[in-house]
Protein backbone atom coordinates (compact mmCIF):
# COMPACT_ATOMS: atom_id res chain seq x y z
CA MET A 1 -22.67 193.35 151.32
CA THR A 2 -24.87 190.54 149.98
CA THR A 3 -25.66 190.83 146.27
CA PRO A 4 -28.33 188.90 144.35
CA GLU A 5 -25.55 186.68 143.00
CA THR A 6 -24.23 185.80 146.47
CA ALA A 7 -27.53 185.81 148.38
CA PRO A 8 -28.15 182.55 150.28
CA VAL A 9 -30.49 180.07 148.60
CA LEU A 10 -32.00 176.72 149.48
CA THR A 11 -30.84 173.46 147.95
CA ALA A 12 -33.10 171.58 145.55
CA GLY A 13 -33.97 169.07 148.28
CA GLU A 14 -34.81 171.83 150.75
CA ARG A 15 -37.05 173.54 148.20
CA LEU A 16 -39.00 170.34 147.49
CA ARG A 17 -39.38 169.67 151.19
CA GLY A 18 -40.50 173.25 151.73
CA GLN A 19 -43.10 172.96 148.96
CA ARG A 20 -44.53 169.79 150.48
CA TYR A 21 -44.77 171.30 153.95
CA ALA A 22 -46.21 174.57 152.63
CA LEU A 23 -48.94 172.64 150.81
CA LEU A 24 -49.78 170.61 153.92
CA ALA A 25 -49.75 173.73 156.10
CA ASN A 26 -52.48 175.36 154.01
CA LEU A 27 -54.89 172.48 153.50
CA LEU A 28 -57.40 173.86 156.01
CA ALA A 29 -56.56 177.54 155.58
CA GLY A 30 -59.90 178.09 153.86
CA SER A 31 -61.74 177.36 157.12
CA GLN A 32 -60.78 180.83 158.38
CA PHE A 33 -63.89 182.28 156.73
CA ILE A 34 -65.83 180.81 159.67
CA MET A 35 -64.19 183.42 161.90
CA GLN A 36 -64.18 186.27 159.43
CA GLY A 37 -67.00 185.81 156.95
CA VAL A 38 -70.67 184.98 156.66
CA ILE A 39 -70.70 182.43 159.49
CA MET A 40 -69.34 185.03 161.89
CA MET A 41 -72.02 187.47 160.74
CA LEU A 42 -74.73 184.87 161.35
CA TYR A 43 -73.43 184.24 164.86
CA ALA A 44 -73.27 187.96 165.61
CA ASN A 45 -76.82 188.46 164.35
CA ASP A 46 -78.66 185.27 165.39
CA VAL A 47 -76.95 184.48 168.70
CA LEU A 48 -75.35 187.68 169.98
CA GLY A 49 -78.14 189.90 168.69
CA PHE A 50 -75.89 192.64 167.34
CA THR A 51 -77.48 195.28 165.14
CA PRO A 52 -76.58 195.54 161.44
CA ARG A 53 -74.69 198.75 162.24
CA ARG A 54 -72.43 196.97 164.72
CA ILE A 55 -71.85 194.12 162.32
CA SER A 56 -70.89 196.65 159.64
CA TYR A 57 -68.38 198.16 162.09
CA ILE A 58 -66.78 194.73 162.45
CA LEU A 59 -66.62 194.20 158.69
CA ALA A 60 -65.10 197.65 158.20
CA ALA A 61 -62.56 197.47 161.03
CA ALA A 62 -61.06 194.04 160.34
CA PRO A 63 -59.44 194.85 156.94
CA LEU A 64 -57.97 198.12 158.26
CA VAL A 65 -55.42 196.28 160.40
CA ALA A 66 -53.70 195.35 157.13
CA LEU A 67 -52.21 198.84 157.18
CA LEU A 68 -49.99 197.71 160.06
CA ARG A 69 -48.11 195.49 157.59
CA LEU A 70 -46.24 198.55 156.36
CA ALA A 71 -44.86 199.25 159.83
CA PHE A 72 -43.87 195.61 160.32
CA LEU A 73 -42.01 194.95 157.08
CA GLY A 74 -38.65 196.21 158.31
CA HIS A 75 -38.54 193.60 161.11
CA VAL A 76 -39.27 190.50 159.06
CA ARG A 77 -35.69 189.58 158.18
CA ALA A 78 -34.46 190.20 161.70
CA ILE A 79 -37.19 188.01 163.20
CA GLY A 80 -37.26 185.36 160.46
CA LYS A 81 -40.12 184.32 158.21
CA ILE A 82 -40.84 181.00 159.94
CA ARG A 83 -40.78 182.58 163.38
CA VAL A 84 -43.22 185.26 162.19
CA LEU A 85 -45.57 182.58 160.84
CA THR A 86 -45.25 180.57 164.05
CA VAL A 87 -45.93 183.46 166.42
CA THR A 88 -48.88 184.75 164.40
CA ALA A 89 -50.34 181.23 164.14
CA VAL A 90 -50.22 181.01 167.94
CA LEU A 91 -52.02 184.36 168.20
CA ARG A 92 -54.60 183.12 165.72
CA LEU A 93 -55.09 179.96 167.77
CA VAL A 94 -55.51 181.98 170.96
CA SER A 95 -58.20 184.15 169.37
CA VAL A 96 -60.15 181.12 168.11
CA LEU A 97 -59.91 179.38 171.49
CA LEU A 98 -61.16 182.53 173.22
CA MET A 99 -64.16 182.60 170.91
CA LEU A 100 -64.68 178.89 171.56
CA VAL A 101 -64.60 178.95 175.36
CA ILE A 102 -66.29 182.27 176.13
CA PRO A 103 -70.07 181.81 176.45
CA ALA A 104 -72.21 183.89 174.13
CA ALA A 105 -73.80 185.58 177.15
CA TRP A 106 -70.41 187.07 178.04
CA LEU A 107 -69.52 188.25 174.55
CA ASN A 108 -70.31 191.93 174.48
CA PHE A 109 -69.51 193.97 171.40
CA PRO A 110 -66.05 195.31 172.44
CA LEU A 111 -64.85 191.84 173.46
CA PHE A 112 -66.19 190.22 170.29
CA LEU A 113 -64.61 192.92 168.13
CA GLY A 114 -61.30 192.65 169.99
CA ILE A 115 -61.08 188.88 169.43
CA LEU A 116 -61.86 189.25 165.73
CA LEU A 117 -59.30 192.04 165.33
CA LEU A 118 -56.66 189.87 167.02
CA PHE A 119 -57.46 187.08 164.56
CA SER A 120 -57.35 189.45 161.60
CA LEU A 121 -54.15 191.12 162.82
CA SER A 122 -52.36 187.79 163.20
CA ALA A 123 -53.37 186.79 159.68
CA HIS A 124 -52.23 190.08 158.15
CA LEU A 125 -48.91 190.22 160.01
CA GLY A 126 -48.20 186.54 159.38
CA ALA A 127 -49.05 185.09 156.01
CA GLY A 128 -49.99 188.52 154.71
CA VAL A 129 -46.41 189.72 155.16
CA VAL A 130 -44.09 186.75 154.68
CA TRP A 131 -45.97 184.10 152.68
CA GLN A 132 -45.11 185.38 149.21
CA PRO A 133 -41.39 185.92 150.02
CA LEU A 134 -41.31 182.44 151.56
CA ILE A 135 -42.87 180.90 148.44
CA ARG A 136 -40.25 182.69 146.35
CA ASP A 137 -37.55 181.06 148.50
CA ILE A 138 -38.88 177.50 148.13
CA THR A 139 -39.69 177.64 144.41
CA THR A 140 -37.89 178.49 141.19
CA LEU A 141 -39.14 180.09 138.00
CA GLU A 142 -39.38 176.62 136.49
CA ASP A 143 -41.54 174.95 139.16
CA ARG A 144 -43.41 177.89 140.71
CA GLY A 145 -46.41 177.58 138.41
CA ARG A 146 -46.78 173.84 139.05
CA PHE A 147 -46.51 174.37 142.79
CA PHE A 148 -49.18 177.08 142.81
CA ALA A 149 -51.46 174.87 140.71
CA ARG A 150 -51.05 171.96 143.16
CA MET A 151 -51.61 174.18 146.18
CA ARG A 152 -54.66 175.85 144.64
CA PHE A 153 -56.18 172.51 143.69
CA CYS A 154 -55.74 171.03 147.20
CA PHE A 155 -56.87 174.25 148.89
CA THR A 156 -59.97 174.52 146.70
CA MET A 157 -60.96 170.89 147.16
CA VAL A 158 -60.71 171.00 150.96
CA SER A 159 -62.46 174.39 151.14
CA ALA A 160 -65.28 173.05 148.96
CA LEU A 161 -65.72 170.04 151.25
CA VAL A 162 -65.89 172.30 154.31
CA SER A 163 -68.44 174.53 152.56
CA MET A 164 -70.56 171.49 151.66
CA VAL A 165 -70.61 170.27 155.27
CA ILE A 166 -71.70 173.61 156.77
CA PRO A 167 -75.30 173.55 155.35
CA LEU A 168 -75.70 170.09 156.89
CA ILE A 169 -74.93 171.58 160.31
CA VAL A 170 -76.46 175.05 160.17
CA GLY A 171 -80.18 175.43 159.58
CA GLU A 172 -82.15 178.60 158.92
CA GLN A 173 -80.52 180.14 161.98
CA ILE A 174 -77.20 179.33 163.57
CA THR A 175 -76.96 178.39 167.24
CA GLU A 176 -74.13 178.88 169.70
CA LEU A 177 -73.41 175.15 169.72
CA GLN A 178 -73.31 174.96 165.92
CA PHE A 179 -70.95 177.93 165.66
CA LYS A 180 -68.59 176.52 168.26
CA GLY A 181 -68.68 173.17 166.51
CA LEU A 182 -67.57 174.89 163.32
CA LEU A 183 -64.84 176.70 165.27
CA LEU A 184 -63.29 173.30 165.93
CA VAL A 185 -62.60 173.13 162.19
CA VAL A 186 -60.79 176.46 162.43
CA VAL A 187 -58.80 175.18 165.41
CA ALA A 188 -57.82 172.10 163.40
CA GLY A 189 -56.74 174.32 160.52
CA VAL A 190 -54.56 176.56 162.69
CA VAL A 191 -52.98 173.60 164.53
CA ASN A 192 -52.30 171.91 161.19
CA ASN A 193 -50.70 175.12 159.91
CA LEU A 194 -48.60 175.51 163.04
CA PHE A 195 -47.42 171.90 162.87
CA TRP A 196 -46.22 171.98 159.25
CA VAL A 197 -45.08 175.57 158.80
CA ARG A 198 -42.31 175.15 161.39
CA ARG A 199 -40.80 172.45 159.16
CA ILE A 200 -40.43 174.66 156.09
CA PRO A 201 -36.74 175.39 155.41
CA GLU A 202 -35.85 179.06 155.58
CA VAL A 203 -33.19 181.12 153.85
CA ARG A 204 -30.90 182.60 156.48
CA HIS A 205 -29.68 186.08 155.62
CA PRO A 206 -26.42 187.43 157.03
CA PRO A 207 -26.74 190.06 159.81
CA GLU A 208 -25.70 192.90 157.50
CA ALA A 209 -28.60 192.03 155.19
CA GLN A 210 -31.16 192.24 157.98
CA ARG A 211 -32.95 195.53 158.31
CA SER A 212 -35.05 196.83 161.11
CA GLY A 213 -37.10 199.91 161.78
CA TRP A 214 -40.71 200.86 161.61
CA HIS A 215 -40.47 202.72 158.28
CA PHE A 216 -43.12 205.27 159.23
CA ALA A 217 -41.90 207.54 156.43
CA ALA A 218 -42.47 204.77 153.88
CA MET A 219 -45.88 204.08 155.35
CA GLY A 220 -46.77 207.76 155.08
CA ARG A 221 -45.67 207.88 151.44
CA ALA A 222 -47.79 204.82 150.69
CA LEU A 223 -50.85 206.38 152.34
CA VAL A 224 -50.41 209.57 150.35
CA SER A 225 -49.52 208.05 146.98
CA SER A 226 -51.82 205.00 146.85
CA ARG A 227 -54.78 205.66 144.56
CA LEU A 228 -56.69 202.80 146.18
CA LEU A 229 -56.36 204.24 149.69
């Protein structure tokens, strides 16, 4: 049985390397709002011609896939944090490429919604599940605050630059070409994430410490007891 005292940890060098790669992996993470936020809504309205009701369905459905995190938690240790981040980054890349290559004339509402849900699901089951535990592995109580400050500063600066460029591209209405040009930024962000995240050192837990199972009972208790839900 692994106790907190005997649990595997990273060396100081591995932690520093992990912090550097984690920072680099998230430089363009802020570009995801192009697929999930206001830009997506503009595309759905101006180019695809969806009604406000259908757009509201999209905005309501995407966050609900976060509930699947509860069923996935028991498999994280068995799969491995880095593998989870890698697989979900690939799924995210596939969803963005589908949106990029499919002409607007072919994007009916079910297909558009399905692509966005795949993107949202990959984000929730990837970074949404394992990012905080991974950060705990590559930082200590002494340097965690400095690391978060550095990552937040770099993330905010790059996100601000992307936000400043968008008004120079998009006019009063967005076009299909403009939206797909902005999707290239999202592709660059996902590829950048995929490239660096695979280099982050990972704590390897012994087999007896790995747990599996869907934990439906725990998910049910959370649904019943959560005041927010």
